[in-house]
């Protein structure tokens, strides 16, 4: 089988997949919204979300505390999809990778990262 592997920001891969420019997209978490454009294999991993905050952030102890906060998410990742479903679109800071998000969080400019 002939294939080409692409390494790009995830949101670009999803866009290309939706446009029919890619035949297979690995590590796409299953969601109701994604069933509209993707067929899935049997799940091979169980992923749990998390909220990352700086040690000094005492005002965020649960998901309910994220309302109105500046929240970093990976662009087009399942955490981004989830945050949009919660109505947090205007408070999201989109990044292309985890390292970028953690750097932003550590600067104190934003409140949390999913």
N, C-alpha and C. Protein backbone atom coordinates (compact mmCIF):
# COMPACT_ATOMS: atom_id res chain seq x y z
N UNK A 1 0.85 -1.17 0.00
CA UNK A 1 0.00 0.00 0.00
C UNK A 1 0.89 1.24 0.00
N UNK A 2 0.63 2.15 -0.88
CA UNK A 2 1.37 3.39 -0.95
C UNK A 2 0.67 4.43 -0.08
N UNK A 3 1.43 5.15 0.73
CA UNK A 3 0.83 6.14 1.60
C UNK A 3 1.78 7.31 1.84
N UNK A 4 1.23 8.41 2.29
CA UNK A 4 1.99 9.59 2.69
C UNK A 4 1.52 9.99 4.07
N UNK A 5 2.47 10.25 4.95
CA UNK A 5 2.14 10.70 6.30
C UNK A 5 2.32 12.21 6.35
N UNK A 6 1.31 12.90 6.88
CA UNK A 6 1.37 14.35 7.03
C UNK A 6 1.42 14.71 8.50
N UNK A 7 2.28 15.63 8.83
CA UNK A 7 2.34 16.16 10.19
C UNK A 7 2.04 17.65 10.07
N UNK A 8 0.87 18.03 10.58
CA UNK A 8 0.39 19.41 10.50
C UNK A 8 -0.38 19.71 11.77
N UNK A 9 -0.68 20.98 12.02
CA UNK A 9 -1.60 21.26 13.13
C UNK A 9 -2.91 20.50 12.91
N UNK A 10 -3.46 19.99 14.00
CA UNK A 10 -4.62 19.10 13.92
C UNK A 10 -5.80 19.72 13.18
N UNK A 11 -6.06 21.01 13.41
CA UNK A 11 -7.20 21.64 12.75
C UNK A 11 -7.04 21.65 11.23
N UNK A 12 -5.80 21.72 10.74
CA UNK A 12 -5.56 21.67 9.30
C UNK A 12 -5.82 20.26 8.76
N UNK A 13 -5.42 19.25 9.52
CA UNK A 13 -5.68 17.87 9.11
C UNK A 13 -7.17 17.59 9.04
N UNK A 14 -7.92 18.05 10.04
CA UNK A 14 -9.37 17.85 10.05
C UNK A 14 -10.01 18.55 8.85
N UNK A 15 -9.57 19.77 8.58
CA UNK A 15 -10.11 20.51 7.43
C UNK A 15 -9.84 19.75 6.13
N UNK A 16 -8.61 19.25 5.95
CA UNK A 16 -8.27 18.50 4.74
C UNK A 16 -9.04 17.19 4.66
N UNK A 17 -9.26 16.55 5.81
CA UNK A 17 -10.03 15.30 5.84
C UNK A 17 -11.47 15.56 5.40
N UNK A 18 -12.08 16.61 5.95
CA UNK A 18 -13.46 16.96 5.58
C UNK A 18 -13.57 17.31 4.10
N UNK A 19 -12.51 17.90 3.54
CA UNK A 19 -12.52 18.30 2.13
C UNK A 19 -12.19 17.14 1.19
N UNK A 20 -11.94 15.95 1.75
CA UNK A 20 -11.63 14.79 0.93
C UNK A 20 -10.20 14.73 0.45
N UNK A 21 -9.32 15.54 1.02
CA UNK A 21 -7.91 15.54 0.63
C UNK A 21 -7.10 14.48 1.37
N UNK A 22 -7.68 13.91 2.43
CA UNK A 22 -7.06 12.83 3.19
C UNK A 22 -8.03 11.66 3.27
N UNK A 23 -7.51 10.45 3.19
CA UNK A 23 -8.35 9.26 3.26
C UNK A 23 -8.49 8.73 4.68
N UNK A 24 -7.48 8.91 5.50
CA UNK A 24 -7.47 8.37 6.86
C UNK A 24 -6.95 9.45 7.80
N UNK A 25 -7.58 9.55 8.95
CA UNK A 25 -7.15 10.48 9.98
C UNK A 25 -7.03 9.69 11.27
N UNK A 26 -5.82 9.61 11.82
CA UNK A 26 -5.63 8.83 13.05
C UNK A 26 -5.88 9.68 14.28
N UNK A 27 -6.21 9.02 15.37
CA UNK A 27 -6.41 9.67 16.67
C UNK A 27 -7.52 10.70 16.68
N UNK A 28 -8.56 10.46 15.93
CA UNK A 28 -9.73 11.34 15.94
C UNK A 28 -10.69 10.78 16.98
N UNK A 29 -10.88 11.52 18.05
CA UNK A 29 -11.79 11.07 19.11
C UNK A 29 -13.22 11.05 18.59
N UNK A 30 -13.96 10.07 19.02
CA UNK A 30 -15.35 9.88 18.58
C UNK A 30 -16.26 10.89 19.27
N UNK A 31 -17.11 11.54 18.48
CA UNK A 31 -18.14 12.42 19.04
C UNK A 31 -19.33 12.37 18.09
N UNK A 32 -20.50 12.78 18.58
CA UNK A 32 -21.69 12.81 17.73
C UNK A 32 -21.47 13.70 16.52
N UNK A 33 -20.88 14.87 16.73
CA UNK A 33 -20.64 15.82 15.63
C UNK A 33 -19.72 15.22 14.58
N UNK A 34 -18.71 14.49 14.99
CA UNK A 34 -17.73 13.92 14.06
C UNK A 34 -18.28 12.75 13.26
N UNK A 35 -19.33 12.10 13.77
CA UNK A 35 -19.96 11.02 13.00
C UNK A 35 -20.54 11.54 11.68
N UNK A 36 -20.79 12.83 11.58
CA UNK A 36 -21.34 13.42 10.36
C UNK A 36 -20.35 13.39 9.21
N UNK A 37 -19.04 13.33 9.51
CA UNK A 37 -18.05 13.34 8.43
C UNK A 37 -17.00 12.23 8.51
N UNK A 38 -17.10 11.36 9.51
CA UNK A 38 -16.09 10.31 9.64
C UNK A 38 -16.72 8.99 10.05
N UNK A 39 -16.18 7.91 9.53
CA UNK A 39 -16.50 6.56 10.00
C UNK A 39 -15.38 6.16 10.96
N UNK A 40 -15.72 5.47 12.02
CA UNK A 40 -14.74 5.14 13.04
C UNK A 40 -14.51 3.63 13.14
N UNK A 41 -13.28 3.25 13.49
CA UNK A 41 -12.98 1.87 13.82
C UNK A 41 -13.47 1.63 15.25
N UNK A 42 -13.23 0.44 15.75
CA UNK A 42 -13.50 0.20 17.16
C UNK A 42 -12.58 1.07 17.99
N UNK A 43 -13.06 1.62 19.08
CA UNK A 43 -12.19 2.45 19.92
C UNK A 43 -10.98 1.65 20.40
N UNK A 44 -9.82 2.29 20.41
CA UNK A 44 -8.60 1.61 20.84
C UNK A 44 -7.96 2.29 22.05
N UNK A 45 -8.54 3.39 22.49
CA UNK A 45 -8.01 4.08 23.66
C UNK A 45 -9.17 4.79 24.37
N UNK A 46 -9.05 4.90 25.67
CA UNK A 46 -10.02 5.65 26.45
C UNK A 46 -9.30 6.89 26.96
N UNK A 47 -9.84 8.05 26.62
CA UNK A 47 -9.21 9.31 26.97
C UNK A 47 -10.11 10.05 27.96
N UNK A 48 -9.51 10.61 28.98
CA UNK A 48 -10.24 11.41 29.94
C UNK A 48 -9.72 12.84 29.86
N UNK A 49 -10.62 13.79 29.89
CA UNK A 49 -10.22 15.18 29.83
C UNK A 49 -9.69 15.67 31.16
N UNK A 50 -9.02 16.79 31.11
CA UNK A 50 -8.51 17.39 32.33
C UNK A 50 -8.47 18.89 32.20
N UNK A 51 -8.50 19.55 33.34
CA UNK A 51 -8.37 21.00 33.39
C UNK A 51 -7.03 21.30 34.06
N UNK A 52 -6.18 22.02 33.33
CA UNK A 52 -4.88 22.38 33.87
C UNK A 52 -4.91 23.85 34.27
N UNK A 53 -4.42 24.12 35.47
CA UNK A 53 -4.33 25.49 35.98
C UNK A 53 -2.98 25.66 36.66
N UNK A 54 -2.57 26.90 36.87
CA UNK A 54 -1.35 27.16 37.63
C UNK A 54 -1.61 26.87 39.11
N UNK A 55 -0.58 26.51 39.84
CA UNK A 55 -0.73 26.24 41.27
C UNK A 55 -1.38 27.39 42.01
N UNK A 56 -1.11 28.60 41.57
CA UNK A 56 -1.63 29.79 42.26
C UNK A 56 -3.10 30.07 41.96
N UNK A 57 -3.71 29.31 41.04
CA UNK A 57 -5.11 29.54 40.64
C UNK A 57 -6.05 28.79 41.58
N UNK A 58 -6.58 29.49 42.58
CA UNK A 58 -7.46 28.84 43.56
C UNK A 58 -8.93 28.94 43.18
N UNK A 59 -9.26 29.73 42.15
CA UNK A 59 -10.66 29.95 41.78
C UNK A 59 -11.22 28.91 40.82
N UNK A 60 -10.39 27.97 40.37
CA UNK A 60 -10.87 26.95 39.45
C UNK A 60 -10.64 25.58 40.07
N UNK A 61 -11.75 24.96 40.45
CA UNK A 61 -11.67 23.62 41.05
C UNK A 61 -12.50 22.60 40.30
N UNK A 62 -13.32 23.10 39.36
CA UNK A 62 -14.17 22.19 38.60
C UNK A 62 -14.54 22.85 37.27
N UNK A 63 -15.18 22.09 36.43
CA UNK A 63 -15.62 22.59 35.12
C UNK A 63 -16.56 23.79 35.27
N UNK A 64 -17.39 23.79 36.27
CA UNK A 64 -18.34 24.89 36.48
C UNK A 64 -17.63 26.22 36.70
N UNK A 65 -16.41 26.17 37.19
CA UNK A 65 -15.64 27.38 37.45
C UNK A 65 -15.04 28.00 36.19
N UNK A 66 -15.18 27.34 35.05
CA UNK A 66 -14.59 27.85 33.81
C UNK A 66 -15.44 28.91 33.12
N UNK A 67 -16.69 29.04 33.50
CA UNK A 67 -17.55 30.07 32.89
C UNK A 67 -16.91 31.44 33.05
N UNK A 68 -16.76 32.15 31.95
CA UNK A 68 -16.19 33.48 31.96
C UNK A 68 -14.68 33.54 32.07
N UNK A 69 -14.03 32.39 32.11
CA UNK A 69 -12.57 32.33 32.22
C UNK A 69 -11.95 32.20 30.83
N UNK A 70 -10.71 32.60 30.70
CA UNK A 70 -9.94 32.45 29.47
C UNK A 70 -9.37 31.03 29.44
N UNK A 71 -9.86 30.22 28.49
CA UNK A 71 -9.54 28.79 28.46
C UNK A 71 -8.80 28.44 27.17
N UNK A 72 -7.64 27.83 27.31
CA UNK A 72 -6.82 27.41 26.18
C UNK A 72 -7.25 26.01 25.76
N UNK A 73 -7.42 25.80 24.45
CA UNK A 73 -7.74 24.48 23.91
C UNK A 73 -6.96 24.24 22.62
N UNK A 74 -6.72 22.97 22.31
CA UNK A 74 -6.11 22.62 21.03
C UNK A 74 -7.16 22.80 19.94
N UNK A 75 -6.83 23.53 18.91
CA UNK A 75 -7.74 23.84 17.81
C UNK A 75 -8.22 22.55 17.15
N UNK A 76 -9.53 22.36 17.11
CA UNK A 76 -10.23 21.23 16.48
C UNK A 76 -10.12 19.92 17.27
N UNK A 77 -9.48 19.93 18.42
CA UNK A 77 -9.37 18.75 19.27
C UNK A 77 -10.72 18.50 19.95
N UNK A 78 -10.89 17.32 20.52
CA UNK A 78 -12.17 16.99 21.16
C UNK A 78 -12.45 17.94 22.33
N UNK A 79 -11.43 18.44 22.99
CA UNK A 79 -11.63 19.42 24.05
C UNK A 79 -12.21 20.72 23.51
N UNK A 80 -11.80 21.10 22.32
CA UNK A 80 -12.33 22.28 21.65
C UNK A 80 -13.80 22.06 21.32
N UNK A 81 -14.10 20.91 20.76
CA UNK A 81 -15.49 20.57 20.42
C UNK A 81 -16.35 20.60 21.69
N UNK A 82 -15.83 20.03 22.76
CA UNK A 82 -16.56 19.99 24.03
C UNK A 82 -16.80 21.41 24.57
N UNK A 83 -15.75 22.23 24.54
CA UNK A 83 -15.87 23.59 25.05
C UNK A 83 -16.90 24.39 24.26
N UNK A 84 -16.94 24.20 22.96
CA UNK A 84 -17.94 24.87 22.14
C UNK A 84 -19.35 24.42 22.52
N UNK A 85 -19.49 23.12 22.81
CA UNK A 85 -20.81 22.60 23.19
C UNK A 85 -21.28 23.18 24.52
N UNK A 86 -20.36 23.64 25.34
CA UNK A 86 -20.70 24.25 26.64
C UNK A 86 -21.00 25.74 26.50
N UNK A 87 -20.83 26.29 25.28
CA UNK A 87 -21.10 27.70 25.06
C UNK A 87 -19.95 28.62 25.41
N UNK A 88 -18.73 28.10 25.47
CA UNK A 88 -17.57 28.87 25.87
C UNK A 88 -16.79 29.46 24.69
N UNK A 89 -17.36 29.46 23.51
CA UNK A 89 -16.64 29.87 22.30
C UNK A 89 -15.90 31.18 22.40
N UNK A 90 -16.51 32.19 22.98
CA UNK A 90 -15.90 33.53 23.03
C UNK A 90 -14.74 33.62 24.00
N UNK A 91 -14.63 32.68 24.91
CA UNK A 91 -13.56 32.75 25.91
C UNK A 91 -12.41 31.79 25.60
N UNK A 92 -12.44 31.14 24.44
CA UNK A 92 -11.43 30.15 24.10
C UNK A 92 -10.22 30.77 23.42
N UNK A 93 -9.06 30.25 23.76
CA UNK A 93 -7.79 30.61 23.13
C UNK A 93 -7.32 29.36 22.41
N UNK A 94 -7.28 29.41 21.08
CA UNK A 94 -6.93 28.24 20.28
C UNK A 94 -5.43 28.17 20.05
N UNK A 95 -4.87 26.98 20.26
CA UNK A 95 -3.45 26.74 20.01
C UNK A 95 -3.30 25.52 19.12
N UNK A 96 -2.12 25.38 18.51
CA UNK A 96 -1.87 24.27 17.59
C UNK A 96 -1.27 23.04 18.24
N UNK A 97 -0.71 23.18 19.46
CA UNK A 97 -0.14 22.01 20.13
C UNK A 97 -0.12 22.24 21.63
N UNK A 98 0.08 21.16 22.35
CA UNK A 98 0.04 21.21 23.82
C UNK A 98 1.14 22.09 24.39
N UNK A 99 2.33 22.01 23.82
CA UNK A 99 3.45 22.82 24.33
C UNK A 99 3.13 24.30 24.25
N UNK A 100 2.55 24.73 23.13
CA UNK A 100 2.16 26.14 22.97
C UNK A 100 1.14 26.53 24.03
N UNK A 101 0.16 25.67 24.27
CA UNK A 101 -0.86 25.95 25.27
C UNK A 101 -0.29 26.04 26.67
N UNK A 102 0.59 25.12 27.03
CA UNK A 102 1.18 25.13 28.36
C UNK A 102 2.07 26.36 28.57
N UNK A 103 2.76 26.78 27.50
CA UNK A 103 3.57 28.00 27.60
C UNK A 103 2.67 29.21 27.88
N UNK A 104 1.56 29.29 27.16
CA UNK A 104 0.62 30.40 27.39
C UNK A 104 0.05 30.36 28.81
N UNK A 105 -0.31 29.17 29.26
CA UNK A 105 -0.86 29.05 30.61
C UNK A 105 0.16 29.50 31.65
N UNK A 106 1.40 29.09 31.47
CA UNK A 106 2.44 29.42 32.46
C UNK A 106 2.73 30.91 32.54
N UNK A 107 2.40 31.67 31.49
CA UNK A 107 2.66 33.11 31.51
C UNK A 107 1.65 33.87 32.36
N UNK A 108 0.54 33.22 32.71
CA UNK A 108 -0.47 33.87 33.53
C UNK A 108 -1.47 34.70 32.75
N UNK A 109 -1.39 34.66 31.41
CA UNK A 109 -2.30 35.44 30.59
C UNK A 109 -3.69 34.81 30.50
N UNK A 110 -3.78 33.51 30.75
CA UNK A 110 -5.03 32.79 30.62
C UNK A 110 -5.25 31.96 31.89
N UNK A 111 -6.49 31.55 32.09
CA UNK A 111 -6.86 30.93 33.37
C UNK A 111 -6.67 29.42 33.44
N UNK A 112 -6.92 28.74 32.32
CA UNK A 112 -6.89 27.27 32.35
C UNK A 112 -6.64 26.72 30.96
N UNK A 113 -6.33 25.43 30.90
CA UNK A 113 -6.20 24.73 29.62
C UNK A 113 -6.92 23.40 29.73
N UNK A 114 -7.70 23.09 28.68
CA UNK A 114 -8.35 21.76 28.62
C UNK A 114 -7.42 20.81 27.89
